[in-house]
Structure formats: C-alpha cells, structure tokens
Amino acid sequence: MNTSDVIKKTGIPRQKLYYLEQKGYISPRKIHVGEKAFREFNEVDVQLIQWIWTYLKDGFRYRIAYQKALEKIERINKRDTK
C-alpha cells in the first residue's frame, strides 16, 4: 500500500505519518524507481499506524501511543491465534 492509500485508509495527516517514520515508530519499505523512492506499507504497518493515530487523537503522546498500539496489536494477534 502506498502513502496516499495509507492516508485514505487511516485518516492520519501526511506530516504525522512522516513524523512516525522519522522517529522510527514505523519503517515502510522503500521502492526505488530511478532517482525517486516510494514508501510501501504492509498490512502490519497500516494496522500499527491506525492504532497509533487512534491513541494520538485520544491525547496520548507519540511514544505512549506507539507503545499502546503495539500492546493492542499483540492482544489482537494472541486472540486471533486461539
């Protein structure tokens, strides 16, 4: 999924998405086409972004939102594997 698709799906503003990447909270794959590089997000990335954005909108700071998002995804994955 490309950047525009992630923004549409999650509702996160582009600058906040870039900030998450800059701070190391997400690491999308980079696809190089000539001199340009495009970000490619997998479903795990998108799920993480969605939860981080949810917690940011609830007033949590980035680091806490990231931690809570990881915990949420871990709980979901444990539930789904039972």
N, C-alpha and C. Protein backbone atom coordinates (compact mmCIF):
# COMPACT_ATOMS: atom_id res chain seq x y z
N MET A 1 0.86 -1.16 0.00
CA MET A 1 0.00 0.00 0.00
C MET A 1 0.91 1.24 0.00
N ASN A 2 0.59 2.21 -0.82
CA ASN A 2 1.42 3.41 -0.88
C ASN A 2 0.96 4.46 0.13
N THR A 3 1.70 5.55 0.22
CA THR A 3 1.43 6.59 1.21
C THR A 3 0.01 7.14 1.09
N SER A 4 -0.42 7.45 -0.11
CA SER A 4 -1.77 8.01 -0.29
C SER A 4 -2.85 7.05 0.17
N ASP A 5 -2.66 5.77 -0.11
CA ASP A 5 -3.64 4.76 0.32
C ASP A 5 -3.69 4.66 1.84
N VAL A 6 -2.53 4.73 2.48
CA VAL A 6 -2.48 4.67 3.95
C VAL A 6 -3.20 5.86 4.55
N ILE A 7 -2.97 7.03 3.99
CA ILE A 7 -3.61 8.25 4.49
C ILE A 7 -5.13 8.14 4.35
N LYS A 8 -5.59 7.64 3.20
CA LYS A 8 -7.03 7.48 2.99
C LYS A 8 -7.63 6.46 3.95
N LYS A 9 -6.92 5.36 4.14
CA LYS A 9 -7.46 4.28 4.98
C LYS A 9 -7.46 4.64 6.46
N THR A 10 -6.42 5.32 6.93
CA THR A 10 -6.29 5.59 8.36
C THR A 10 -6.77 6.98 8.78
N GLY A 11 -6.74 7.92 7.85
CA GLY A 11 -7.12 9.30 8.17
C GLY A 11 -5.99 10.11 8.79
N ILE A 12 -4.82 9.53 8.93
CA ILE A 12 -3.70 10.25 9.52
C ILE A 12 -3.18 11.31 8.54
N PRO A 13 -2.88 12.50 9.02
CA PRO A 13 -2.30 13.52 8.14
C PRO A 13 -0.91 13.10 7.66
N ARG A 14 -0.57 13.49 6.46
CA ARG A 14 0.70 13.11 5.84
C ARG A 14 1.90 13.47 6.72
N GLN A 15 1.90 14.66 7.29
CA GLN A 15 3.05 15.09 8.10
C GLN A 15 3.20 14.23 9.35
N LYS A 16 2.10 13.82 9.94
CA LYS A 16 2.18 12.94 11.12
C LYS A 16 2.70 11.57 10.72
N LEU A 17 2.30 11.10 9.56
CA LEU A 17 2.80 9.82 9.05
C LEU A 17 4.32 9.90 8.85
N TYR A 18 4.79 10.97 8.24
CA TYR A 18 6.23 11.15 8.03
C TYR A 18 6.96 11.27 9.36
N TYR A 19 6.33 11.91 10.34
CA TYR A 19 6.95 12.06 11.65
C TYR A 19 7.13 10.69 12.31
N LEU A 20 6.13 9.83 12.19
CA LEU A 20 6.24 8.48 12.74
C LEU A 20 7.43 7.74 12.14
N GLU A 21 7.62 7.92 10.86
CA GLU A 21 8.76 7.29 10.18
C GLU A 21 10.07 7.92 10.64
N GLN A 22 10.10 9.23 10.71
CA GLN A 22 11.31 9.95 11.12
C GLN A 22 11.77 9.52 12.51
N LYS A 23 10.83 9.31 13.41
CA LYS A 23 11.15 8.93 14.79
C LYS A 23 11.38 7.42 14.95
N GLY A 24 11.18 6.66 13.89
CA GLY A 24 11.46 5.23 13.94
C GLY A 24 10.31 4.37 14.44
N TYR A 25 9.11 4.93 14.56
CA TYR A 25 7.96 4.15 15.01
C TYR A 25 7.45 3.22 13.91
N ILE A 26 7.65 3.61 12.68
CA ILE A 26 7.29 2.76 11.53
C ILE A 26 8.46 2.76 10.57
N SER A 27 8.57 1.68 9.79
CA SER A 27 9.67 1.57 8.82
C SER A 27 9.14 0.97 7.52
N PRO A 28 8.46 1.79 6.73
CA PRO A 28 7.95 1.25 5.46
C PRO A 28 9.10 0.87 4.54
N ARG A 29 8.82 -0.08 3.68
CA ARG A 29 9.81 -0.50 2.69
C ARG A 29 9.93 0.61 1.65
N LYS A 30 11.15 0.87 1.20
CA LYS A 30 11.38 1.89 0.17
C LYS A 30 11.59 1.19 -1.17
N ILE A 31 10.85 1.65 -2.15
CA ILE A 31 10.98 1.13 -3.51
C ILE A 31 11.57 2.24 -4.35
N HIS A 32 12.71 1.96 -4.96
CA HIS A 32 13.40 2.96 -5.77
C HIS A 32 13.06 2.76 -7.25
N VAL A 33 12.61 3.85 -7.85
CA VAL A 33 12.31 3.87 -9.28
C VAL A 33 13.09 5.03 -9.86
N GLY A 34 14.17 4.72 -10.53
CA GLY A 34 15.05 5.78 -11.00
C GLY A 34 15.64 6.50 -9.80
N GLU A 35 15.50 7.80 -9.78
CA GLU A 35 16.02 8.59 -8.66
C GLU A 35 14.99 8.80 -7.56
N LYS A 36 13.78 8.35 -7.77
CA LYS A 36 12.72 8.52 -6.77
C LYS A 36 12.62 7.29 -5.87
N ALA A 37 12.19 7.53 -4.64
CA ALA A 37 11.94 6.44 -3.70
C ALA A 37 10.49 6.55 -3.22
N PHE A 38 9.80 5.44 -3.25
CA PHE A 38 8.41 5.39 -2.82
C PHE A 38 8.29 4.51 -1.59
N ARG A 39 7.42 4.88 -0.68
CA ARG A 39 7.18 4.09 0.52
C ARG A 39 6.12 3.03 0.21
N GLU A 40 6.36 1.84 0.71
CA GLU A 40 5.40 0.75 0.56
C GLU A 40 5.11 0.20 1.96
N PHE A 41 3.84 0.24 2.34
CA PHE A 41 3.41 -0.18 3.67
C PHE A 41 2.72 -1.53 3.58
N ASN A 42 3.06 -2.44 4.50
CA ASN A 42 2.35 -3.72 4.54
C ASN A 42 1.18 -3.61 5.51
N GLU A 43 0.40 -4.67 5.63
CA GLU A 43 -0.80 -4.62 6.48
C GLU A 43 -0.47 -4.40 7.95
N VAL A 44 0.66 -4.94 8.41
CA VAL A 44 1.07 -4.73 9.80
C VAL A 44 1.39 -3.26 10.03
N ASP A 45 2.10 -2.64 9.08
CA ASP A 45 2.39 -1.20 9.18
C ASP A 45 1.10 -0.40 9.28
N VAL A 46 0.15 -0.71 8.42
CA VAL A 46 -1.11 0.04 8.37
C VAL A 46 -1.89 -0.14 9.68
N GLN A 47 -1.91 -1.34 10.19
CA GLN A 47 -2.59 -1.60 11.47
C GLN A 47 -1.93 -0.80 12.59
N LEU A 48 -0.61 -0.79 12.62
CA LEU A 48 0.12 -0.04 13.64
C LEU A 48 -0.17 1.45 13.52
N ILE A 49 -0.13 1.97 12.31
CA ILE A 49 -0.41 3.39 12.07
C ILE A 49 -1.83 3.74 12.53
N GLN A 50 -2.78 2.88 12.20
CA GLN A 50 -4.17 3.13 12.59
C GLN A 50 -4.31 3.24 14.10
N TRP A 51 -3.69 2.32 14.83
CA TRP A 51 -3.79 2.36 16.29
C TRP A 51 -3.02 3.54 16.88
N ILE A 52 -1.84 3.82 16.35
CA ILE A 52 -1.09 4.99 16.83
C ILE A 52 -1.94 6.24 16.64
N TRP A 53 -2.52 6.40 15.47
CA TRP A 53 -3.33 7.58 15.17
C TRP A 53 -4.54 7.66 16.11
N THR A 54 -5.16 6.53 16.40
CA THR A 54 -6.28 6.50 17.33
C THR A 54 -5.86 7.02 18.70
N TYR A 55 -4.73 6.55 19.18
CA TYR A 55 -4.25 6.98 20.50
C TYR A 55 -3.77 8.43 20.49
N LEU A 56 -3.19 8.88 19.40
CA LEU A 56 -2.79 10.29 19.31
C LEU A 56 -4.02 11.19 19.38
N LYS A 57 -5.08 10.80 18.68
CA LYS A 57 -6.32 11.59 18.71
C LYS A 57 -6.94 11.60 20.10
N ASP A 58 -6.68 10.55 20.88
CA ASP A 58 -7.18 10.48 22.25
C ASP A 58 -6.33 11.30 23.21
N GLY A 59 -5.26 11.91 22.70
CA GLY A 59 -4.46 12.80 23.53
C GLY A 59 -3.15 12.24 24.05
N PHE A 60 -2.82 11.01 23.67
CA PHE A 60 -1.56 10.43 24.12
C PHE A 60 -0.39 11.00 23.32
N ARG A 61 0.77 11.05 23.93
CA ARG A 61 1.98 11.49 23.23
C ARG A 61 2.46 10.35 22.33
N TYR A 62 3.33 10.70 21.39
CA TYR A 62 3.77 9.73 20.38
C TYR A 62 4.31 8.44 20.98
N ARG A 63 5.24 8.55 21.93
CA ARG A 63 5.87 7.35 22.48
C ARG A 63 4.85 6.44 23.16
N ILE A 64 3.95 7.04 23.92
CA ILE A 64 2.92 6.27 24.61
C ILE A 64 1.92 5.69 23.61
N ALA A 65 1.54 6.48 22.62
CA ALA A 65 0.61 5.99 21.59
C ALA A 65 1.22 4.79 20.87
N TYR A 66 2.51 4.85 20.58
CA TYR A 66 3.21 3.75 19.91
C TYR A 66 3.20 2.51 20.80
N GLN A 67 3.53 2.67 22.06
CA GLN A 67 3.55 1.53 22.99
C GLN A 67 2.17 0.91 23.13
N LYS A 68 1.16 1.74 23.28
CA LYS A 68 -0.21 1.24 23.41
C LYS A 68 -0.65 0.52 22.13
N ALA A 69 -0.25 1.05 20.98
CA ALA A 69 -0.60 0.42 19.70
C ALA A 69 0.05 -0.96 19.59
N LEU A 70 1.31 -1.07 19.99
CA LEU A 70 1.98 -2.37 19.95
C LEU A 70 1.28 -3.37 20.88
N GLU A 71 0.92 -2.92 22.07
CA GLU A 71 0.21 -3.79 23.01
C GLU A 71 -1.13 -4.24 22.45
N LYS A 72 -1.84 -3.32 21.83
CA LYS A 72 -3.15 -3.63 21.25
C LYS A 72 -3.01 -4.68 20.14
N ILE A 73 -2.05 -4.49 19.27
CA ILE A 73 -1.83 -5.43 18.17
C ILE A 73 -1.43 -6.80 18.71
N GLU A 74 -0.61 -6.81 19.75
CA GLU A 74 -0.20 -8.08 20.36
C GLU A 74 -1.41 -8.81 20.93
N ARG A 75 -2.30 -8.07 21.61
CA ARG A 75 -3.51 -8.68 22.17
C ARG A 75 -4.41 -9.23 21.06
N ILE A 76 -4.54 -8.48 19.98
CA ILE A 76 -5.37 -8.92 18.85
C ILE A 76 -4.78 -10.19 18.24
N ASN A 77 -3.48 -10.21 18.05
CA ASN A 77 -2.82 -11.38 17.45
C ASN A 77 -2.94 -12.61 18.35
N LYS A 78 -2.82 -12.42 19.66
CA LYS A 78 -2.98 -13.55 20.58
C LYS A 78 -4.40 -14.09 20.52
N ARG A 79 -5.37 -13.17 20.48
CA ARG A 79 -6.77 -13.57 20.42
C ARG A 79 -7.06 -14.33 19.12
N ASP A 80 -6.49 -13.86 18.02
CA ASP A 80 -6.76 -14.48 16.72
C ASP A 80 -6.09 -15.84 16.56
N THR A 81 -5.05 -16.12 17.34
CA THR A 81 -4.35 -17.40 17.21
C THR A 81 -4.94 -18.47 18.12
N LYS A 82 -5.91 -18.10 18.94
CA LYS A 82 -6.53 -19.09 19.84
C LYS A 82 -7.58 -19.88 19.12
